[in-house]
């Protein structure tokens, strides 16, 4: 995410946008991101995690 110039506030805003767009709850704690079950290490990992959360709702 750093390569894209997305800081910690941008990550939090992105997670809110993802939750709203896909009507899901992302298990992410901005105060302890390293303890989160939601991998934000890359765009690809975010896509995989969102796909999993959406699939779990069906």
C-alpha atoms as a PDB file:
ATOM      1  CA  UNK A   1       0.000   0.000   0.000  1.00  0.00           C
ATOM      2  CA  UNK A   2       2.949   2.286   0.643  1.00  0.00           C
ATOM      3  CA  UNK A   3       3.967   1.910  -3.014  1.00  0.00           C
ATOM      4  CA  UNK A   4       0.591   3.395  -3.960  1.00  0.00           C
ATOM      5  CA  UNK A   5       1.042   6.306  -1.561  1.00  0.00           C
ATOM      6  CA  UNK A   6      -1.778   5.153   0.713  1.00  0.00           C
ATOM      7  CA  UNK A   7      -1.137   6.094   4.336  1.00  0.00           C
ATOM      8  CA  UNK A   8      -2.877   4.666   7.399  1.00  0.00           C
ATOM      9  CA  UNK A   9      -5.759   7.135   7.123  1.00  0.00           C
ATOM     10  CA  UNK A  10      -6.178   6.180   3.472  1.00  0.00           C
ATOM     11  CA  UNK A  11      -6.318   2.513   4.447  1.00  0.00           C
ATOM     12  CA  UNK A  12      -9.075   3.196   6.974  1.00  0.00           C
ATOM     13  CA  UNK A  13     -11.024   5.266   4.446  1.00  0.00           C
ATOM     14  CA  UNK A  14     -10.599   2.497   1.872  1.00  0.00           C
ATOM     15  CA  UNK A  15     -11.906  -0.099   4.297  1.00  0.00           C
ATOM     16  CA  UNK A  16     -14.981   2.033   5.007  1.00  0.00           C
ATOM     17  CA  UNK A  17     -15.558   2.364   1.266  1.00  0.00           C
ATOM     18  CA  UNK A  18     -15.176  -1.408   0.755  1.00  0.00           C
ATOM     19  CA  UNK A  19     -17.654  -2.113   3.558  1.00  0.00           C
ATOM     20  CA  UNK A  20     -20.171   0.276   2.054  1.00  0.00           C
ATOM     21  CA  UNK A  21     -19.736  -0.880  -1.550  1.00  0.00           C
ATOM     22  CA  UNK A  22     -19.971  -4.604  -0.827  1.00  0.00           C
ATOM     23  CA  UNK A  23     -22.260  -4.429   2.234  1.00  0.00           C
ATOM     24  CA  UNK A  24     -19.789  -6.402   4.355  1.00  0.00           C
ATOM     25  CA  UNK A  25     -18.062  -5.938   7.681  1.00  0.00           C
ATOM     26  CA  UNK A  26     -14.291  -5.981   7.370  1.00  0.00           C
ATOM     27  CA  UNK A  27     -12.538  -7.462  10.427  1.00  0.00           C
ATOM     28  CA  UNK A  28      -9.882  -4.761  10.657  1.00  0.00           C
ATOM     29  CA  UNK A  29      -8.685  -2.875  13.713  1.00  0.00           C
ATOM     30  CA  UNK A  30      -6.878   0.303  12.680  1.00  0.00           C
ATOM     31  CA  UNK A  31      -5.306   0.519  16.136  1.00  0.00           C
ATOM     32  CA  UNK A  32      -3.699  -2.920  15.742  1.00  0.00           C
ATOM     33  CA  UNK A  33      -3.562  -3.752  12.006  1.00  0.00           C
ATOM     34  CA  UNK A  34      -0.954  -6.458  12.576  1.00  0.00           C
ATOM     35  CA  UNK A  35      -3.495  -8.388  14.662  1.00  0.00           C
ATOM     36  CA  UNK A  36      -6.200  -8.186  12.014  1.00  0.00           C
ATOM     37  CA  UNK A  37      -7.520 -11.170  10.088  1.00  0.00           C
ATOM     38  CA  UNK A  38      -7.848  -8.862   7.075  1.00  0.00           C
ATOM     39  CA  UNK A  39      -4.612  -8.791   5.066  1.00  0.00           C
ATOM     40  CA  UNK A  40      -3.871  -5.280   3.785  1.00  0.00           C
ATOM     41  CA  UNK A  41      -0.316  -5.990   2.656  1.00  0.00           C
ATOM     42  CA  UNK A  42      -1.179  -5.593  -1.036  1.00  0.00           C
ATOM     43  CA  UNK A  43      -4.045  -4.787  -3.361  1.00  0.00           C
ATOM     44  CA  UNK A  44      -4.174  -8.452  -4.376  1.00  0.00           C
ATOM     45  CA  UNK A  45      -4.509  -9.629  -0.788  1.00  0.00           C
ATOM     46  CA  UNK A  46      -7.307  -7.111  -0.194  1.00  0.00           C
ATOM     47  CA  UNK A  47      -9.162  -8.378  -3.279  1.00  0.00           C
ATOM     48  CA  UNK A  48      -8.869 -11.988  -2.089  1.00  0.00           C
ATOM     49  CA  UNK A  49     -10.056 -11.066   1.411  1.00  0.00           C
ATOM     50  CA  UNK A  50     -13.032  -9.073   0.087  1.00  0.00           C
ATOM     51  CA  UNK A  51     -14.009 -11.917  -2.266  1.00  0.00           C
ATOM     52  CA  UNK A  52     -13.935 -14.307   0.700  1.00  0.00           C
ATOM     53  CA  UNK A  53     -16.097 -12.023   2.856  1.00  0.00           C
ATOM     54  CA  UNK A  54     -18.629 -11.543   0.051  1.00  0.00           C
ATOM     55  CA  UNK A  55     -18.760 -15.304  -0.612  1.00  0.00           C
ATOM     56  CA  UNK A  56     -19.384 -15.982   3.085  1.00  0.00           C
ATOM     57  CA  UNK A  57     -22.528 -13.825   2.919  1.00  0.00           C
ATOM     58  CA  UNK A  58     -24.120 -15.888   0.171  1.00  0.00           C
END
